[in-house]
Amino acid sequence: MPHERSSTVWEELLKTAVLTPSPHNTQPWRLRISDDRHATLYMDRDRTLPDEDITGHFVRCAMGMFLESLRIISANSGMTLRYTLIDDDTAQPLIPFAALELEAGAEPSNYSNDLFHHRATSRLGSNGKRIDSQLSALLKQFEPDYGHRYHQFDEASLIEEIIQENIRAVFHDLNVPAYHDEIARWFRYSDEEAKNKADGLDYRCMRTSAIELKLMKALPQIMRWPFFRTIMRRTYRRKLGDVSHIGIICGPFFDNAASVRAGAFLMRFWLELARHKLHIHPFGNLVTNAKSKSRVQAMTGMNDAWLVFRIGYTDDPPRSYRRPVNKVIVHD
């Protein structure tokens, strides 16, 4: 029988780290392994979103989440991960992002590896259970050293205002050609395509049909026609179901170092939610669409928000696929 190569330390860490979330499930991270202690993390230019994430900070936030995932998983394996960010504006397909080093010795993290498997985005409606006041208070005080604040809104009328603003932003942005073409590239229309590509916006997770996604790709202009716009907005709202709470995270974000640190906070926050069986559904357009961002600021009084999302208890949502470890590793 042929000899099977044993996994490296980095490959073992990556088996869990690949479960890190990212915008549109693009999974922009690549890793070049030097030895069992050293590796270089890259950002894959082809997996960034330059026409939606114009400043690049949301993809950098995702890279920060991935680094924090590696730190947590390393600690759970008895190792300390240290990294140095790399400031490199190369035009190459793989952009050097951080130099990584593992050291022996670490206390286990507060977050078990199992929580990465439980964490998921959910577009399902609330199951009716409310977040109790003690848990809300805990989340509002979460990891203050990171410099970010969590705010939660429970008032039904304000929640509906925010949802309607999100719908307006989504329908507007899908009619911006560059935005539309970029997001449509990540649509996955069938189980076979979703499994084979193991990335992107799977129709199952989007709570839509393949036909609706294909129509959105081919004829985005119908969302400007009054009759169809009304029907599609109502359909979109109905699929969101009951929304019991809206969450907003505020703090420093829109510079390169801040967005990476924000990613570390968000990864820990999301795992904390998973511990309490809470799900979120980010409303990214409420931050990237300038007019909607301004309106949400006026509604909430939050002038440094960088993430707005539905938060609550739902049934178990469909899980998006992840690329296998051997596709993440850079093979020279």
Protein backbone atom coordinates (compact mmCIF):
# COMPACT_ATOMS: atom_id res chain seq x y z
CA MET A 1 0.00 0.00 0.00
CA PRO A 2 1.27 3.53 -0.74
CA HIS A 3 2.55 5.49 2.22
CA GLU A 4 0.17 8.24 3.32
CA ARG A 5 1.81 11.54 4.16
CA SER A 6 1.05 12.75 7.66
CA SER A 7 -0.54 16.18 8.03
CA THR A 8 1.64 19.09 9.05
CA VAL A 9 0.90 21.17 12.16
CA TRP A 10 -0.45 23.95 9.94
CA GLU A 11 -2.74 21.61 8.02
CA GLU A 12 -4.27 20.40 11.28
CA LEU A 13 -4.96 23.98 12.33
CA LEU A 14 -6.44 24.81 8.94
CA LYS A 15 -9.01 22.01 9.16
CA THR A 16 -10.92 24.15 11.65
CA ALA A 17 -9.73 27.63 10.62
CA VAL A 18 -11.30 27.27 7.14
CA LEU A 19 -14.69 27.52 8.89
CA THR A 20 -14.04 31.25 9.42
CA PRO A 21 -16.77 33.39 7.80
CA SER A 22 -16.03 35.91 5.05
CA PRO A 23 -18.02 38.34 2.85
CA HIS A 24 -19.95 36.33 0.24
CA ASN A 25 -18.06 33.28 1.56
CA THR A 26 -15.13 34.24 -0.68
CA GLN A 27 -12.52 32.73 1.69
CA PRO A 28 -9.69 35.08 0.60
CA TRP A 29 -6.94 33.43 2.67
CA ARG A 30 -4.02 31.37 1.38
CA LEU A 31 -1.14 29.95 3.40
CA ARG A 32 2.43 29.14 2.32
CA ILE A 33 4.07 26.78 4.82
CA SER A 34 7.81 27.16 5.45
CA ASP A 35 8.13 24.62 8.26
CA ASP A 36 6.17 23.46 11.30
CA ARG A 37 6.79 26.79 13.03
CA HIS A 38 6.67 29.34 10.22
CA ALA A 39 4.21 30.24 7.48
CA THR A 40 3.11 33.26 5.45
CA LEU A 41 -0.53 34.26 5.16
CA TYR A 42 -1.64 35.75 1.83
CA MET A 43 -4.77 37.48 0.63
CA ASP A 44 -5.95 36.11 -2.71
CA ARG A 45 -6.65 39.13 -4.92
CA ASP A 46 -9.13 37.14 -6.99
CA ARG A 47 -11.21 36.58 -3.84
CA THR A 48 -11.52 40.22 -2.84
CA LEU A 49 -14.51 42.45 -3.63
CA PRO A 50 -13.13 45.74 -4.99
CA ASP A 51 -16.46 46.93 -6.43
CA GLU A 52 -18.44 46.36 -3.22
CA ASP A 53 -15.80 46.65 -0.50
CA ILE A 54 -14.34 49.80 -2.05
CA THR A 55 -11.97 50.60 0.82
CA GLY A 56 -10.89 46.96 1.17
CA HIS A 57 -11.46 47.02 4.90
CA PHE A 58 -14.18 44.38 5.04
CA VAL A 59 -11.95 41.81 3.36
CA ARG A 60 -9.14 42.87 5.71
CA CYS A 61 -11.59 42.33 8.56
CA ALA A 62 -12.17 38.79 7.27
CA MET A 63 -8.42 38.23 7.22
CA GLY A 64 -8.32 39.47 10.81
CA MET A 65 -11.02 36.94 11.68
CA PHE A 66 -8.95 34.20 10.07
CA LEU A 67 -5.87 35.20 12.05
CA GLU A 68 -7.89 35.16 15.27
CA SER A 69 -9.29 31.73 14.36
CA LEU A 70 -5.73 30.45 13.94
CA ARG A 71 -4.75 31.97 17.29
CA ILE A 72 -7.67 30.33 19.10
CA ILE A 73 -7.19 26.93 17.45
CA SER A 74 -3.44 27.06 18.06
CA ALA A 75 -4.02 27.74 21.76
CA ASN A 76 -6.40 24.79 21.91
CA SER A 77 -3.52 22.69 20.55
CA GLY A 78 -1.08 23.99 23.18
CA MET A 79 0.67 26.53 20.93
CA THR A 80 0.93 30.30 20.78
CA LEU A 81 0.49 31.92 17.38
CA ARG A 82 2.36 35.18 16.85
CA TYR A 83 2.01 37.23 13.69
CA THR A 84 3.38 40.36 12.09
CA LEU A 85 1.23 42.16 9.53
CA ILE A 86 2.91 42.81 6.19
CA ASP A 87 2.36 46.15 4.47
CA ASP A 88 2.62 45.18 0.82
CA ASP A 89 0.71 46.74 -2.10
CA THR A 90 2.02 44.27 -4.64
CA ALA A 91 0.07 43.81 -7.86
CA GLN A 92 0.65 40.05 -7.68
CA PRO A 93 -2.33 37.64 -7.40
CA LEU A 94 -1.32 36.66 -3.86
CA ILE A 95 -0.80 39.64 -1.55
CA PRO A 96 1.46 38.96 1.48
CA PHE A 97 -0.61 39.72 4.56
CA ALA A 98 1.13 38.38 7.69
CA ALA A 99 4.19 36.42 8.79
CA LEU A 100 3.14 33.66 11.19
CA GLU A 101 5.12 31.84 13.88
CA LEU A 102 4.09 29.09 16.28
CA GLU A 103 5.63 28.70 19.71
CA ALA A 104 5.17 25.76 22.05
CA GLY A 105 3.07 26.40 25.14
CA ALA A 106 -0.34 28.00 25.58
CA GLU A 107 -3.42 27.69 27.75
CA PRO A 108 -6.53 26.52 25.91
CA SER A 109 -8.75 29.28 24.58
CA ASN A 110 -12.16 30.09 26.05
CA TYR A 111 -13.58 28.89 22.73
CA SER A 112 -13.48 25.22 21.85
CA ASN A 113 -12.94 24.08 18.28
CA ASP A 114 -16.48 22.69 18.31
CA LEU A 115 -17.87 26.23 18.39
CA PHE A 116 -16.47 26.86 14.91
CA HIS A 117 -18.74 24.07 13.66
CA HIS A 118 -21.78 25.46 15.51
CA ARG A 119 -21.29 29.06 14.32
CA ALA A 120 -23.32 29.90 11.21
CA THR A 121 -25.03 32.75 9.41
CA SER A 122 -28.79 32.26 9.47
CA ARG A 123 -31.29 33.90 7.13
CA LEU A 124 -34.14 32.02 8.80
CA GLY A 125 -36.78 33.93 10.72
CA SER A 126 -36.69 34.09 14.50
CA ASN A 127 -38.24 31.09 16.25
CA GLY A 128 -39.91 33.45 18.72
CA LYS A 129 -37.50 33.10 21.62
CA ARG A 130 -36.17 36.43 22.87
CA ILE A 131 -32.65 37.24 24.06
CA ASP A 132 -32.92 37.67 27.80
CA SER A 133 -31.69 40.84 29.49
CA GLN A 134 -28.74 39.18 31.24
CA LEU A 135 -27.32 37.83 27.99
CA SER A 136 -27.88 41.19 26.26
CA ALA A 137 -25.96 42.88 29.07
CA LEU A 138 -23.14 40.32 28.74
CA LEU A 139 -22.84 40.98 25.01
CA LYS A 140 -22.82 44.74 25.52
CA GLN A 141 -19.82 44.35 27.84
CA PHE A 142 -18.00 41.87 25.60
CA GLU A 143 -14.20 42.24 25.22
CA PRO A 144 -13.98 46.01 25.94
CA ASP A 145 -10.20 46.00 25.41
CA TYR A 146 -10.77 45.63 21.66
CA GLY A 147 -12.39 49.07 21.57
CA HIS A 148 -15.72 47.98 20.06
CA ARG A 149 -19.27 48.33 21.37
CA TYR A 150 -22.30 46.14 20.79
CA HIS A 151 -25.73 47.78 20.74
CA GLN A 152 -29.00 45.88 20.53
CA PHE A 153 -32.36 47.22 19.38
CA ASP A 154 -35.54 45.40 20.37
CA GLU A 155 -38.26 47.90 19.44
CA ALA A 156 -40.41 46.45 16.65
CA SER A 157 -40.97 49.74 14.80
CA LEU A 158 -37.27 50.61 14.69
CA ILE A 159 -36.38 47.06 13.64
CA GLU A 160 -38.81 47.32 10.73
CA GLU A 161 -37.39 50.70 9.69
CA ILE A 162 -33.89 49.21 9.58
CA ILE A 163 -35.08 46.16 7.64
CA GLN A 164 -36.85 48.32 5.07
CA GLU A 165 -33.73 50.47 4.70
CA ASN A 166 -31.69 47.32 4.11
CA ILE A 167 -34.12 46.20 1.41
CA ARG A 168 -33.84 49.60 -0.30
CA ALA A 169 -30.05 49.41 -0.17
CA VAL A 170 -29.91 45.87 -1.55
CA PHE A 171 -32.24 46.65 -4.46
CA HIS A 172 -30.39 49.87 -5.25
CA ASP A 173 -26.95 48.27 -5.18
CA LEU A 174 -27.97 45.34 -7.35
CA ASN A 175 -28.70 47.88 -10.08
CA VAL A 176 -25.20 49.34 -9.94
CA PRO A 177 -23.46 47.43 -12.79
CA ALA A 178 -20.08 46.91 -11.13
CA TYR A 179 -21.67 45.82 -7.83
CA HIS A 180 -24.12 43.54 -9.62
CA ASP A 181 -21.50 41.84 -11.77
CA GLU A 182 -19.21 41.26 -8.81
CA ILE A 183 -21.80 39.70 -6.50
CA ALA A 184 -23.37 37.65 -9.31
CA ARG A 185 -19.98 36.00 -9.85
CA TRP A 186 -20.39 34.39 -6.42
CA PHE A 187 -23.91 33.01 -6.91
CA ARG A 188 -24.11 29.22 -6.69
CA TYR A 189 -27.21 27.85 -8.39
CA SER A 190 -27.14 24.11 -7.63
CA ASP A 191 -25.98 21.63 -5.02
CA GLU A 192 -23.39 20.28 -7.44
CA GLU A 193 -21.93 23.72 -8.20
CA ALA A 194 -21.90 24.69 -4.53
CA LYS A 195 -20.09 21.49 -3.53
CA ASN A 196 -17.60 21.64 -6.39
CA LYS A 197 -16.63 25.27 -5.88
CA ALA A 198 -17.06 25.11 -2.08
CA ASP A 199 -17.40 28.88 -1.77
CA GLY A 200 -19.76 31.70 -2.67
CA LEU A 201 -23.43 32.40 -2.06
CA ASP A 202 -25.17 29.03 -2.06
CA TYR A 203 -28.84 29.35 -3.02
CA ARG A 204 -29.76 27.12 -0.03
CA CYS A 205 -28.12 29.49 2.45
CA MET A 206 -29.57 32.51 0.66
CA ARG A 207 -33.09 31.12 1.14
CA THR A 208 -33.90 31.58 -2.51
CA SER A 209 -34.40 29.42 -5.55
CA ALA A 210 -31.90 28.94 -8.35
CA ILE A 211 -34.43 30.55 -10.72
CA GLU A 212 -34.64 33.70 -8.58
CA LEU A 213 -30.84 33.96 -8.43
CA LYS A 214 -30.54 33.50 -12.19
CA LEU A 215 -33.21 36.14 -12.76
CA MET A 216 -31.36 38.51 -10.43
CA LYS A 217 -28.19 37.93 -12.43
CA ALA A 218 -29.72 38.24 -15.90
CA LEU A 219 -32.32 40.97 -15.36
CA PRO A 220 -31.46 43.16 -12.36
CA GLN A 221 -33.33 46.04 -14.01
CA ILE A 222 -36.70 44.44 -13.20
CA MET A 223 -36.09 45.56 -9.63
CA ARG A 224 -36.60 49.12 -10.90
CA TRP A 225 -39.98 48.37 -12.49
CA PRO A 226 -42.67 49.43 -9.98
CA PHE A 227 -44.82 46.30 -10.19
CA PHE A 228 -41.96 43.79 -9.96
CA ARG A 229 -40.08 45.92 -7.44
CA THR A 230 -43.06 45.85 -5.08
CA ILE A 231 -43.53 42.09 -5.43
CA MET A 232 -39.85 41.31 -5.02
CA ARG A 233 -39.45 43.57 -1.99
CA ARG A 234 -42.44 41.95 -0.32
CA THR A 235 -41.05 38.50 -1.14
CA TYR A 236 -37.64 39.46 0.24
CA ARG A 237 -39.23 40.79 3.43
CA ARG A 238 -41.40 37.71 3.86
CA LYS A 239 -38.37 35.43 3.61
CA LEU A 240 -36.69 37.32 6.45
CA GLY A 241 -39.55 36.21 8.67
CA ASP A 242 -39.88 37.48 12.21
CA VAL A 243 -36.93 39.60 13.35
CA SER A 244 -36.77 39.92 17.12
CA HIS A 245 -33.58 41.98 17.50
CA ILE A 246 -31.13 44.10 15.50
CA GLY A 247 -27.49 44.29 16.57
CA ILE A 248 -24.91 46.94 15.68
CA ILE A 249 -21.16 46.89 16.32
CA CYS A 250 -19.41 50.25 16.54
CA GLY A 251 -15.79 51.25 16.87
CA PRO A 252 -12.59 51.94 14.92
CA PHE A 253 -12.65 50.16 11.57
CA PHE A 254 -11.75 52.15 8.47
CA ASP A 255 -7.99 51.91 8.46
CA ASN A 256 -5.82 48.89 7.73
CA ALA A 257 -4.74 48.01 11.27
CA ALA A 258 -8.13 48.80 12.81
CA SER A 259 -10.03 46.56 10.39
CA VAL A 260 -7.78 43.58 11.24
CA ARG A 261 -8.29 44.18 14.96
CA ALA A 262 -12.02 44.53 14.37
CA GLY A 263 -11.92 41.11 12.69
CA ALA A 264 -10.32 39.59 15.81
CA PHE A 265 -13.12 41.08 17.91
CA LEU A 266 -15.82 39.88 15.52
CA MET A 267 -14.50 36.32 15.44
CA ARG A 268 -14.56 36.10 19.23
CA PHE A 269 -17.97 37.78 19.40
CA TRP A 270 -19.43 35.36 16.83
CA LEU A 271 -18.06 32.35 18.72
CA GLU A 272 -19.57 33.76 21.91
CA LEU A 273 -22.92 33.93 20.12
CA ALA A 274 -22.48 30.32 18.99
CA ARG A 275 -21.90 29.33 22.61
CA HIS A 276 -25.36 30.76 23.39
CA LYS A 277 -26.93 29.26 20.25
CA LEU A 278 -27.53 32.69 18.72
CA HIS A 279 -27.30 33.36 14.98
CA ILE A 280 -26.73 36.55 13.04
CA HIS A 281 -27.40 37.66 9.48
CA PRO A 282 -25.24 40.68 8.50
CA PHE A 283 -26.83 43.55 6.56
CA GLY A 284 -23.65 44.66 4.81
CA ASN A 285 -25.35 47.13 2.44
CA LEU A 286 -26.34 49.31 5.41
CA VAL A 287 -22.66 50.17 5.85
CA THR A 288 -21.30 50.05 2.29
CA ASN A 289 -24.20 52.07 0.80
CA ALA A 290 -23.47 55.68 1.81
CA LYS A 291 -27.09 56.90 1.84
CA SER A 292 -28.32 53.94 3.87
CA LYS A 293 -25.42 54.27 6.28
CA SER A 294 -26.40 57.89 6.88
CA ARG A 295 -30.05 56.95 7.41
CA VAL A 296 -29.18 54.21 9.90
CA GLN A 297 -27.00 56.71 11.77
CA ALA A 298 -30.00 59.04 11.99
CA MET A 299 -32.27 56.21 13.18
CA THR A 300 -29.94 54.85 15.83
CA GLY A 301 -27.58 57.68 16.77
CA MET A 302 -24.62 55.37 16.03
CA ASN A 303 -22.07 57.30 13.95
CA ASP A 304 -19.24 54.75 13.99
CA ALA A 305 -21.15 51.57 13.12
CA TRP A 306 -19.36 49.09 10.88
CA LEU A 307 -21.65 46.05 11.16
CA VAL A 308 -25.45 45.87 11.31
CA PHE A 309 -27.19 42.51 11.59
CA ARG A 310 -30.23 40.55 12.59
CA ILE A 311 -29.56 38.61 15.77
CA GLY A 312 -31.68 35.99 17.49
CA TYR A 313 -32.62 32.36 17.85
CA THR A 314 -33.54 30.42 14.71
CA ASP A 315 -33.80 26.82 13.61
CA ASP A 316 -30.53 25.31 12.37
CA PRO A 317 -29.71 27.01 9.05
CA PRO A 318 -28.15 25.37 5.97
CA ARG A 319 -24.35 25.40 6.14
CA SER A 320 -22.20 26.89 3.40
CA TYR A 321 -19.32 24.86 2.05
CA ARG A 322 -15.63 25.54 2.62
CA ARG A 323 -12.69 24.94 0.33
CA PRO A 324 -10.52 21.98 1.33
CA VAL A 325 -7.24 22.60 3.12
CA ASN A 326 -5.16 21.61 0.08
CA LYS A 327 -6.79 24.44 -1.89
CA VAL A 328 -5.92 26.96 0.83
CA ILE A 329 -2.26 25.98 0.99
CA VAL A 330 0.05 27.53 -1.59
CA HIS A 331 1.95 24.71 -3.29
CA ASP A 332 5.25 25.90 -4.80
